[in-house]
Amino acid sequence: MNEWTKEQFLKRLEKGDSGTLYLYTPLCGTCKVAGKMVEVLHEMFPKLSMGKADVNYLPDLAGKFQIESVPCLLLFKNGEVIEKIYAFYSVPFLYEKLTSL
């Protein structure tokens, strides 16, 4: 899964894409575990647009989408952020969420 810049993410929204953006910080232990789960999802949904970004470098984006904590998985559909997931319960839980995209 590729690292996205703010511009890359906003361009996907502008185009009306659907997918996910995984927000994390490098020193967060929970983010490391959640990141592994998101990598598994990336393998399960190879055609879905999925990216990741260090929220430390995106403070304006975090403010715009009212990110409360990390890890956070933004789900976007047809260019609109439809859900923010903070609790990464399990891969099957996240799989069910992504099937709607």
PDB file of N, CA and C in Angstrom:
ATOM      1  N   MET A   1       0.847  -1.167   0.000  1.00  0.00           N
ATOM      2  CA  MET A   1       0.000   0.000   0.000  1.00  0.00           C
ATOM      3  C   MET A   1       0.892   1.229   0.000  1.00  0.00           C
ATOM      4  N   ASN A   2       0.557   2.182  -0.837  1.00  0.00           N
ATOM      5  CA  ASN A   2       1.389   3.369  -1.004  1.00  0.00           C
ATOM      6  C   ASN A   2       1.045   4.468  -0.011  1.00  0.00           C
ATOM      7  N   GLU A   3       2.048   5.243   0.301  1.00  0.00           N
ATOM      8  CA  GLU A   3       1.895   6.445   1.120  1.00  0.00           C
ATOM      9  C   GLU A   3       1.288   7.526   0.223  1.00  0.00           C
ATOM     10  N   TRP A   4       0.222   8.180   0.699  1.00  0.00           N
ATOM     11  CA  TRP A   4      -0.431   9.236  -0.066  1.00  0.00           C
ATOM     12  C   TRP A   4      -0.152  10.597   0.549  1.00  0.00           C
ATOM     13  N   THR A   5      -0.051  11.601  -0.299  1.00  0.00           N
ATOM     14  CA  THR A   5       0.015  12.983   0.166  1.00  0.00           C
ATOM     15  C   THR A   5      -1.421  13.504   0.287  1.00  0.00           C
ATOM     16  N   LYS A   6      -1.549  14.655   0.899  1.00  0.00           N
ATOM     17  CA  LYS A   6      -2.860  15.294   1.006  1.00  0.00           C
ATOM     18  C   LYS A   6      -3.436  15.519  -0.391  1.00  0.00           C
ATOM     19  N   GLU A   7      -2.597  15.974  -1.303  1.00  0.00           N
ATOM     20  CA  GLU A   7      -3.058  16.263  -2.656  1.00  0.00           C
ATOM     21  C   GLU A   7      -3.552  15.008  -3.367  1.00  0.00           C
ATOM     22  N   GLN A   8      -2.848  13.896  -3.187  1.00  0.00           N
ATOM     23  CA  GLN A   8      -3.267  12.634  -3.817  1.00  0.00           C
ATOM     24  C   GLN A   8      -4.631  12.190  -3.290  1.00  0.00           C
ATOM     25  N   PHE A   9      -4.830  12.323  -1.983  1.00  0.00           N
ATOM     26  CA  PHE A   9      -6.106  11.927  -1.398  1.00  0.00           C
ATOM     27  C   PHE A   9      -7.229  12.839  -1.886  1.00  0.00           C
ATOM     28  N   LEU A  10      -7.017  14.138  -1.844  1.00  0.00           N
ATOM     29  CA  LEU A  10      -8.057  15.074  -2.265  1.00  0.00           C
ATOM     30  C   LEU A  10      -8.382  14.919  -3.747  1.00  0.00           C
ATOM     31  N   LYS A  11      -7.389  14.573  -4.545  1.00  0.00           N
ATOM     32  CA  LYS A  11      -7.626  14.338  -5.975  1.00  0.00           C
ATOM     33  C   LYS A  11      -8.551  13.130  -6.171  1.00  0.00           C
ATOM     34  N   ARG A  12      -8.369  12.094  -5.357  1.00  0.00           N
ATOM     35  CA  ARG A  12      -9.238  10.925  -5.451  1.00  0.00           C
ATOM     36  C   ARG A  12     -10.675  11.292  -5.077  1.00  0.00           C
ATOM     37  N   LEU A  13     -10.828  12.110  -4.052  1.00  0.00           N
ATOM     38  CA  LEU A  13     -12.170  12.554  -3.674  1.00  0.00           C
ATOM     39  C   LEU A  13     -12.784  13.381  -4.801  1.00  0.00           C
ATOM     40  N   GLU A  14     -12.002  14.267  -5.367  1.00  0.00           N
ATOM     41  CA  GLU A  14     -12.457  15.130  -6.455  1.00  0.00           C
ATOM     42  C   GLU A  14     -12.932  14.308  -7.659  1.00  0.00           C
ATOM     43  N   LYS A  15     -12.236  13.208  -7.943  1.00  0.00           N
ATOM     44  CA  LYS A  15     -12.588  12.344  -9.082  1.00  0.00           C
ATOM     45  C   LYS A  15     -13.794  11.466  -8.783  1.00  0.00           C
ATOM     46  N   GLY A  16     -14.247  11.434  -7.521  1.00  0.00           N
ATOM     47  CA  GLY A  16     -15.388  10.606  -7.165  1.00  0.00           C
ATOM     48  C   GLY A  16     -15.026   9.158  -6.900  1.00  0.00           C
ATOM     49  N   ASP A  17     -13.765   8.911  -6.548  1.00  0.00           N
ATOM     50  CA  ASP A  17     -13.305   7.546  -6.266  1.00  0.00           C
ATOM     51  C   ASP A  17     -13.901   7.009  -4.967  1.00  0.00           C
ATOM     52  N   SER A  18     -13.734   5.708  -4.796  1.00  0.00           N
ATOM     53  CA  SER A  18     -14.095   5.032  -3.549  1.00  0.00           C
ATOM     54  C   SER A  18     -12.860   4.300  -3.056  1.00  0.00           C
ATOM     55  N   GLY A  19     -12.720   4.177  -1.733  1.00  0.00           N
ATOM     56  CA  GLY A  19     -11.570   3.478  -1.170  1.00  0.00           C
ATOM     57  C   GLY A  19     -11.357   3.809   0.286  1.00  0.00           C
ATOM     58  N   THR A  20     -10.090   3.704   0.716  1.00  0.00           N
ATOM     59  CA  THR A  20      -9.754   3.952   2.123  1.00  0.00           C
ATOM     60  C   THR A  20      -8.464   4.757   2.219  1.00  0.00           C
ATOM     61  N   LEU A  21      -8.353   5.495   3.316  1.00  0.00           N
ATOM     62  CA  LEU A  21      -7.105   6.149   3.683  1.00  0.00           C
ATOM     63  C   LEU A  21      -6.833   5.792   5.132  1.00  0.00           C
ATOM     64  N   TYR A  22      -5.715   5.122   5.360  1.00  0.00           N
ATOM     65  CA  TYR A  22      -5.318   4.719   6.702  1.00  0.00           C
ATOM     66  C   TYR A  22      -4.408   5.788   7.286  1.00  0.00           C
ATOM     67  N   LEU A  23      -4.830   6.397   8.385  1.00  0.00           N
ATOM     68  CA  LEU A  23      -4.056   7.435   9.059  1.00  0.00           C
ATOM     69  C   LEU A  23      -3.403   6.868  10.307  1.00  0.00           C
ATOM     70  N   TYR A  24      -2.141   7.177  10.490  1.00  0.00           N
ATOM     71  CA  TYR A  24      -1.363   6.612  11.594  1.00  0.00           C
ATOM     72  C   TYR A  24      -0.296   7.600  12.031  1.00  0.00           C
ATOM     73  N   THR A  25       0.398   7.268  13.102  1.00  0.00           N
ATOM     74  CA  THR A  25       1.640   7.951  13.472  1.00  0.00           C
ATOM     75  C   THR A  25       2.684   6.855  13.695  1.00  0.00           C
ATOM     76  N   PRO A  26       3.941   7.111  13.375  1.00  0.00           N
ATOM     77  CA  PRO A  26       4.965   6.065  13.423  1.00  0.00           C
ATOM     78  C   PRO A  26       5.287   5.542  14.831  1.00  0.00           C
ATOM     79  N   LEU A  27       5.068   6.327  15.864  1.00  0.00           N
ATOM     80  CA  LEU A  27       5.409   5.886  17.218  1.00  0.00           C
ATOM     81  C   LEU A  27       4.252   5.222  17.953  1.00  0.00           C
ATOM     82  N   CYS A  28       3.121   5.082  17.297  1.00  0.00           N
ATOM     83  CA  CYS A  28       1.920   4.501  17.905  1.00  0.00           C
ATOM     84  C   CYS A  28       1.945   2.975  17.756  1.00  0.00           C
ATOM     85  N   GLY A  29       2.000   2.260  18.876  1.00  0.00           N
ATOM     86  CA  GLY A  29       2.010   0.796  18.839  1.00  0.00           C
ATOM     87  C   GLY A  29       0.729   0.214  18.277  1.00  0.00           C
ATOM     88  N   THR A  30      -0.397   0.781  18.664  1.00  0.00           N
ATOM     89  CA  THR A  30      -1.685   0.307  18.147  1.00  0.00           C
ATOM     90  C   THR A  30      -1.761   0.512  16.641  1.00  0.00           C
ATOM     91  N   CYS A  31      -1.152   1.595  16.159  1.00  0.00           N
ATOM     92  CA  CYS A  31      -1.132   1.862  14.714  1.00  0.00           C
ATOM     93  C   CYS A  31      -0.362   0.774  13.959  1.00  0.00           C
ATOM     94  N   LYS A  32       0.682   0.253  14.569  1.00  0.00           N
ATOM     95  CA  LYS A  32       1.468  -0.805  13.915  1.00  0.00           C
ATOM     96  C   LYS A  32       0.620  -2.066  13.733  1.00  0.00           C
ATOM     97  N   VAL A  33      -0.140  -2.423  14.756  1.00  0.00           N
ATOM     98  CA  VAL A  33      -1.017  -3.599  14.668  1.00  0.00           C
ATOM     99  C   VAL A  33      -2.115  -3.349  13.640  1.00  0.00           C
ATOM    100  N   ALA A  34      -2.744  -2.179  13.723  1.00  0.00           N
ATOM    101  CA  ALA A  34      -3.817  -1.841  12.780  1.00  0.00           C
ATOM    102  C   ALA A  34      -3.281  -1.796  11.346  1.00  0.00           C
ATOM    103  N   GLY A  35      -2.056  -1.306  11.186  1.00  0.00           N
ATOM    104  CA  GLY A  35      -1.447  -1.239   9.859  1.00  0.00           C
ATOM    105  C   GLY A  35      -1.293  -2.606   9.225  1.00  0.00           C
ATOM    106  N   LYS A  36      -0.964  -3.601  10.047  1.00  0.00           N
ATOM    107  CA  LYS A  36      -0.851  -4.970   9.522  1.00  0.00           C
ATOM    108  C   LYS A  36      -2.209  -5.484   9.063  1.00  0.00           C
ATOM    109  N   MET A  37      -3.250  -5.122   9.804  1.00  0.00           N
ATOM    110  CA  MET A  37      -4.605  -5.526   9.417  1.00  0.00           C
ATOM    111  C   MET A  37      -4.999  -4.867   8.091  1.00  0.00           C
ATOM    112  N   VAL A  38      -4.655  -3.610   7.944  1.00  0.00           N
ATOM    113  CA  VAL A  38      -4.982  -2.881   6.711  1.00  0.00           C
ATOM    114  C   VAL A  38      -4.203  -3.462   5.528  1.00  0.00           C
ATOM    115  N   GLU A  39      -2.977  -3.893   5.751  1.00  0.00           N
ATOM    116  CA  GLU A  39      -2.197  -4.533   4.680  1.00  0.00           C
ATOM    117  C   GLU A  39      -2.878  -5.825   4.211  1.00  0.00           C
ATOM    118  N   VAL A  40      -3.437  -6.586   5.153  1.00  0.00           N
ATOM    119  CA  VAL A  40      -4.174  -7.811   4.795  1.00  0.00           C
ATOM    120  C   VAL A  40      -5.386  -7.439   3.939  1.00  0.00           C
ATOM    121  N   LEU A  41      -6.088  -6.389   4.333  1.00  0.00           N
ATOM    122  CA  LEU A  41      -7.248  -5.936   3.553  1.00  0.00           C
ATOM    123  C   LEU A  41      -6.840  -5.500   2.154  1.00  0.00           C
ATOM    124  N   HIS A  42      -5.695  -4.869   2.057  1.00  0.00           N
ATOM    125  CA  HIS A  42      -5.191  -4.436   0.757  1.00  0.00           C
ATOM    126  C   HIS A  42      -4.985  -5.633  -0.164  1.00  0.00           C
ATOM    127  N   GLU A  43      -4.531  -6.732   0.393  1.00  0.00           N
ATOM    128  CA  GLU A  43      -4.365  -7.963  -0.401  1.00  0.00           C
ATOM    129  C   GLU A  43      -5.719  -8.548  -0.793  1.00  0.00           C
ATOM    130  N   MET A  44      -6.718  -8.376   0.071  1.00  0.00           N
ATOM    131  CA  MET A  44      -8.049  -8.931  -0.190  1.00  0.00           C
ATOM    132  C   MET A  44      -8.851  -8.097  -1.185  1.00  0.00           C
ATOM    133  N   PHE A  45      -8.549  -6.813  -1.279  1.00  0.00           N
ATOM    134  CA  PHE A  45      -9.249  -5.896  -2.172  1.00  0.00           C
ATOM    135  C   PHE A  45      -8.236  -5.206  -3.093  1.00  0.00           C
ATOM    136  N   PRO A  46      -7.607  -5.954  -3.997  1.00  0.00           N
ATOM    137  CA  PRO A  46      -6.531  -5.384  -4.813  1.00  0.00           C
ATOM    138  C   PRO A  46      -6.978  -4.256  -5.752  1.00  0.00           C
ATOM    139  N   LYS A  47      -8.247  -4.213  -6.122  1.00  0.00           N
ATOM    140  CA  LYS A  47      -8.717  -3.188  -7.050  1.00  0.00           C
ATOM    141  C   LYS A  47      -9.228  -1.933  -6.342  1.00  0.00           C
ATOM    142  N   LEU A  48      -9.357  -2.002  -5.026  1.00  0.00           N
ATOM    143  CA  LEU A  48      -9.852  -0.863  -4.262  1.00  0.00           C
ATOM    144  C   LEU A  48      -8.725   0.130  -4.025  1.00  0.00           C
ATOM    145  N   SER A  49      -9.026   1.390  -4.184  1.00  0.00           N
ATOM    146  CA  SER A  49      -8.046   2.454  -3.964  1.00  0.00           C
ATOM    147  C   SER A  49      -7.774   2.573  -2.461  1.00  0.00           C
ATOM    148  N   MET A  50      -6.553   2.212  -2.048  1.00  0.00           N
ATOM    149  CA  MET A  50      -6.193   2.231  -0.629  1.00  0.00           C
ATOM    150  C   MET A  50      -4.832   2.882  -0.453  1.00  0.00           C
ATOM    151  N   GLY A  51      -4.773   3.824   0.473  1.00  0.00           N
ATOM    152  CA  GLY A  51      -3.517   4.490   0.766  1.00  0.00           C
ATOM    153  C   GLY A  51      -3.348   4.678   2.256  1.00  0.00           C
ATOM    154  N   LYS A  52      -2.161   5.155   2.638  1.00  0.00           N
ATOM    155  CA  LYS A  52      -1.895   5.422   4.047  1.00  0.00           C
ATOM    156  C   LYS A  52      -1.139   6.729   4.145  1.00  0.00           C
ATOM    157  N   ALA A  53      -1.223   7.361   5.328  1.00  0.00           N
ATOM    158  CA  ALA A  53      -0.543   8.640   5.516  1.00  0.00           C
ATOM    159  C   ALA A  53      -0.255   8.856   6.997  1.00  0.00           C
ATOM    160  N   ASP A  54       0.913   9.418   7.263  1.00  0.00           N
ATOM    161  CA  ASP A  54       1.303   9.815   8.611  1.00  0.00           C
ATOM    162  C   ASP A  54       0.565  11.110   8.926  1.00  0.00           C
ATOM    163  N   VAL A  55      -0.340  11.056   9.884  1.00  0.00           N
ATOM    164  CA  VAL A  55      -1.191  12.203  10.203  1.00  0.00           C
ATOM    165  C   VAL A  55      -0.378  13.396  10.724  1.00  0.00           C
ATOM    166  N   ASN A  56       0.839  13.156  11.206  1.00  0.00           N
ATOM    167  CA  ASN A  56       1.700  14.255  11.657  1.00  0.00           C
ATOM    168  C   ASN A  56       1.986  15.256  10.543  1.00  0.00           C
ATOM    169  N   TYR A  57       1.974  14.793   9.296  1.00  0.00           N
ATOM    170  CA  TYR A  57       2.257  15.656   8.152  1.00  0.00           C
ATOM    171  C   TYR A  57       0.996  16.214   7.500  1.00  0.00           C
ATOM    172  N   LEU A  58      -0.168  15.899   8.064  1.00  0.00           N
ATOM    173  CA  LEU A  58      -1.432  16.329   7.462  1.00  0.00           C
ATOM    174  C   LEU A  58      -2.354  17.011   8.483  1.00  0.00           C
ATOM    175  N   PRO A  59      -1.858  17.983   9.238  1.00  0.00           N
ATOM    176  CA  PRO A  59      -2.707  18.571  10.280  1.00  0.00           C
ATOM    177  C   PRO A  59      -3.970  19.242   9.732  1.00  0.00           C
ATOM    178  N   ASP A  60      -3.883  19.863   8.561  1.00  0.00           N
ATOM    179  CA  ASP A  60      -5.071  20.509   7.998  1.00  0.00           C
ATOM    180  C   ASP A  60      -6.098  19.481   7.533  1.00  0.00           C
ATOM    181  N   LEU A  61      -5.641  18.363   7.004  1.00  0.00           N
ATOM    182  CA  LEU A  61      -6.537  17.289   6.594  1.00  0.00           C
ATOM    183  C   LEU A  61      -7.204  16.675   7.824  1.00  0.00           C
ATOM    184  N   ALA A  62      -6.432  16.479   8.882  1.00  0.00           N
ATOM    185  CA  ALA A  62      -6.981  15.936  10.134  1.00  0.00           C
ATOM    186  C   ALA A  62      -8.052  16.863  10.688  1.00  0.00           C
ATOM    187  N   GLY A  63      -7.821  18.155  10.583  1.00  0.00           N
ATOM    188  CA  GLY A  63      -8.813  19.118  11.041  1.00  0.00           C
ATOM    189  C   GLY A  63     -10.055  19.121  10.167  1.00  0.00           C
ATOM    190  N   LYS A  64      -9.850  19.075   8.875  1.00  0.00           N
ATOM    191  CA  LYS A  64     -10.975  19.100   7.921  1.00  0.00           C
ATOM    192  C   LYS A  64     -11.920  17.922   8.142  1.00  0.00           C
ATOM    193  N   PHE A  65     -11.350  16.746   8.389  1.00  0.00           N
ATOM    194  CA  PHE A  65     -12.177  15.553   8.562  1.00  0.00           C
ATOM    195  C   PHE A  65     -12.391  15.199  10.032  1.00  0.00           C
ATOM    196  N   GLN A  66     -12.002  16.098  10.926  1.00  0.00           N
ATOM    197  CA  GLN A  66     -12.204  15.955  12.369  1.00  0.00           C
ATOM    198  C   GLN A  66     -11.705  14.603  12.894  1.00  0.00           C
ATOM    199  N   ILE A  67     -10.439  14.300  12.564  1.00  0.00           N
ATOM    200  CA  ILE A  67      -9.818  13.070  13.033  1.00  0.00           C
ATOM    201  C   ILE A  67      -9.566  13.213  14.532  1.00  0.00           C
ATOM    202  N   GLU A  68     -10.103  12.291  15.311  1.00  0.00           N
ATOM    203  CA  GLU A  68     -10.027  12.380  16.764  1.00  0.00           C
ATOM    204  C   GLU A  68      -8.824  11.654  17.345  1.00  0.00           C
ATOM    205  N   SER A  69      -8.388  10.599  16.681  1.00  0.00           N
ATOM    206  CA  SER A  69      -7.242   9.834  17.174  1.00  0.00           C
ATOM    207  C   SER A  69      -6.741   8.924  16.061  1.00  0.00           C
ATOM    208  N   VAL A  70      -5.610   8.304  16.317  1.00  0.00           N
ATOM    209  CA  VAL A  70      -5.076   7.302  15.396  1.00  0.00           C
ATOM    210  C   VAL A  70      -4.932   5.997  16.163  1.00  0.00           C
ATOM    211  N   PRO A  71      -5.024   4.890  15.484  1.00  0.00           N
ATOM    212  CA  PRO A  71      -5.232   4.726  14.053  1.00  0.00           C
ATOM    213  C   PRO A  71      -6.650   5.113  13.642  1.00  0.00           C
ATOM    214  N   CYS A  72      -6.768   5.533  12.394  1.00  0.00           N
ATOM    215  CA  CYS A  72      -8.069   5.895  11.828  1.00  0.00           C
ATOM    216  C   CYS A  72      -8.109   5.422  10.380  1.00  0.00           C
ATOM    217  N   LEU A  73      -9.186   4.778  10.034  1.00  0.00           N
ATOM    218  CA  LEU A  73      -9.389   4.341   8.654  1.00  0.00           C
ATOM    219  C   LEU A  73     -10.557   5.136   8.087  1.00  0.00           C
ATOM    220  N   LEU A  74     -10.252   5.998   7.125  1.00  0.00           N
ATOM    221  CA  LEU A  74     -11.298   6.766   6.450  1.00  0.00           C
ATOM    222  C   LEU A  74     -11.836   5.942   5.294  1.00  0.00           C
ATOM    223  N   LEU A  75     -13.136   5.755   5.264  1.00  0.00           N
ATOM    224  CA  LEU A  75     -13.777   5.083   4.136  1.00  0.00           C
ATOM    225  C   LEU A  75     -14.429   6.164   3.288  1.00  0.00           C
ATOM    226  N   PHE A  76     -14.110   6.167   2.004  1.00  0.00           N
ATOM    227  CA  PHE A  76     -14.744   7.141   1.117  1.00  0.00           C
ATOM    228  C   PHE A  76     -15.389   6.421  -0.047  1.00  0.00           C
ATOM    229  N   LYS A  77     -16.552   6.953  -0.429  1.00  0.00           N
ATOM    230  CA  LYS A  77     -17.327   6.345  -1.510  1.00  0.00           C
ATOM    231  C   LYS A  77     -17.860   7.463  -2.393  1.00  0.00           C
ATOM    232  N   ASN A  78     -17.651   7.323  -3.687  1.00  0.00           N
ATOM    233  CA  ASN A  78     -18.098   8.325  -4.657  1.00  0.00           C
ATOM    234  C   ASN A  78     -17.624   9.724  -4.279  1.00  0.00           C
ATOM    235  N   GLY A  79     -16.388   9.811  -3.777  1.00  0.00           N
ATOM    236  CA  GLY A  79     -15.788  11.096  -3.471  1.00  0.00           C
ATOM    237  C   GLY A  79     -16.174  11.714  -2.142  1.00  0.00           C
ATOM    238  N   GLU A  80     -16.914  10.982  -1.313  1.00  0.00           N
ATOM    239  CA  GLU A  80     -17.345  11.483  -0.013  1.00  0.00           C
ATOM    240  C   GLU A  80     -16.839  10.556   1.096  1.00  0.00           C
ATOM    241  N   VAL A  81     -16.315  11.147   2.162  1.00  0.00           N
ATOM    242  CA  VAL A  81     -15.929  10.347   3.322  1.00  0.00           C
ATOM    243  C   VAL A  81     -17.218   9.916   4.005  1.00  0.00           C
ATOM    244  N   ILE A  82     -17.432   8.586   4.076  1.00  0.00           N
ATOM    245  CA  ILE A  82     -18.690   8.079   4.621  1.00  0.00           C
ATOM    246  C   ILE A  82     -18.549   7.523   6.038  1.00  0.00           C
ATOM    247  N   GLU A  83     -17.310   7.211   6.434  1.00  0.00           N
ATOM    248  CA  GLU A  83     -17.137   6.639   7.773  1.00  0.00           C
ATOM    249  C   GLU A  83     -15.693   6.787   8.225  1.00  0.00           C
ATOM    250  N   LYS A  84     -15.521   6.928   9.539  1.00  0.00           N
ATOM    251  CA  LYS A  84     -14.202   6.933  10.170  1.00  0.00           C
ATOM    252  C   LYS A  84     -14.192   5.783  11.167  1.00  0.00           C
ATOM    253  N   ILE A  85     -13.234   4.890  11.012  1.00  0.00           N
ATOM    254  CA  ILE A  85     -13.128   3.737  11.914  1.00  0.00           C
ATOM    255  C   ILE A  85     -11.907   3.937  12.806  1.00  0.00           C
ATOM    256  N   TYR A  86     -12.135   3.897  14.113  1.00  0.00           N
ATOM    257  CA  TYR A  86     -11.047   4.041  15.084  1.00  0.00           C
ATOM    258  C   TYR A  86     -10.741   2.719  15.784  1.00  0.00           C
ATOM    259  N   ALA A  87     -11.732   1.859  15.896  1.00  0.00           N
ATOM    260  CA  ALA A  87     -11.552   0.575  16.576  1.00  0.00           C
ATOM    261  C   ALA A  87     -11.421  -0.525  15.521  1.00  0.00           C
ATOM    262  N   PHE A  88     -10.223  -1.062  15.385  1.00  0.00           N
ATOM    263  CA  PHE A  88      -9.927  -2.101  14.396  1.00  0.00           C
ATOM    264  C   PHE A  88     -10.108  -3.458  15.078  1.00  0.00           C
ATOM    265  N   TYR A  89     -11.351  -3.863  15.260  1.00  0.00           N
ATOM    266  CA  TYR A  89     -11.646  -5.067  16.030  1.00  0.00           C
ATOM    267  C   TYR A  89     -10.992  -6.317  15.465  1.00  0.00           C
ATOM    268  N   SER A  90     -11.159  -6.524  14.165  1.00  0.00           N
ATOM    269  CA  SER A  90     -10.615  -7.725  13.528  1.00  0.00           C
ATOM    270  C   SER A  90     -10.622  -7.524  12.022  1.00  0.00           C
ATOM    271  N   VAL A  91      -9.893  -8.375  11.330  1.00  0.00           N
ATOM    272  CA  VAL A  91      -9.898  -8.307   9.867  1.00  0.00           C
ATOM    273  C   VAL A  91     -11.299  -8.605   9.330  1.00  0.00           C
ATOM    274  N   PRO A  92     -12.017  -9.624   9.848  1.00  0.00           N
ATOM    275  CA  PRO A  92     -13.381  -9.855   9.343  1.00  0.00           C
ATOM    276  C   PRO A  92     -14.309  -8.647   9.549  1.00  0.00           C
ATOM    277  N   PHE A  93     -14.173  -7.951  10.682  1.00  0.00           N
ATOM    278  CA  PHE A  93     -14.967  -6.744  10.931  1.00  0.00           C
ATOM    279  C   PHE A  93     -14.682  -5.695   9.866  1.00  0.00           C
ATOM    280  N   LEU A  94     -13.398  -5.452   9.583  1.00  0.00           N
ATOM    281  CA  LEU A  94     -13.018  -4.463   8.588  1.00  0.00           C
ATOM    282  C   LEU A  94     -13.396  -4.913   7.179  1.00  0.00           C
ATOM    283  N   TYR A  95     -13.277  -6.202   6.915  1.00  0.00           N
ATOM    284  CA  TYR A  95     -13.673  -6.763   5.616  1.00  0.00           C
ATOM    285  C   TYR A  95     -15.138  -6.420   5.326  1.00  0.00           C
ATOM    286  N   GLU A  96     -15.998  -6.614   6.307  1.00  0.00           N
ATOM    287  CA  GLU A  96     -17.428  -6.312   6.140  1.00  0.00           C
ATOM    288  C   GLU A  96     -17.632  -4.830   5.822  1.00  0.00           C
ATOM    289  N   LYS A  97     -16.879  -3.973   6.474  1.00  0.00           N
ATOM    290  CA  LYS A  97     -16.999  -2.530   6.226  1.00  0.00           C
ATOM    291  C   LYS A  97     -16.596  -2.202   4.789  1.00  0.00           C
ATOM    292  N   LEU A  98     -15.539  -2.823   4.309  1.00  0.00           N
ATOM    293  CA  LEU A  98     -15.019  -2.514   2.977  1.00  0.00           C
ATOM    294  C   LEU A  98     -15.867  -3.095   1.856  1.00  0.00           C
ATOM    295  N   THR A  99     -16.656  -4.110   2.129  1.00  0.00           N
ATOM    296  CA  THR A  99     -17.490  -4.687   1.071  1.00  0.00           C
ATOM    297  C   THR A  99     -18.545  -3.691   0.575  1.00  0.00           C
ATOM    298  N   SER A 100     -18.860  -2.680   1.387  1.00  0.00           N
ATOM    299  CA  SER A 100     -19.835  -1.670   0.967  1.00  0.00           C
ATOM    300  C   SER A 100     -19.242  -0.693  -0.045  1.00  0.00           C
ATOM    301  N   LEU A 101     -17.918  -0.711  -0.191  1.00  0.00           N
ATOM    302  CA  LEU A 101     -17.271   0.207  -1.129  1.00  0.00           C
ATOM    303  C   LEU A 101     -17.189  -0.437  -2.500  1.00  0.00           C
TER     304      LEU A 101
END
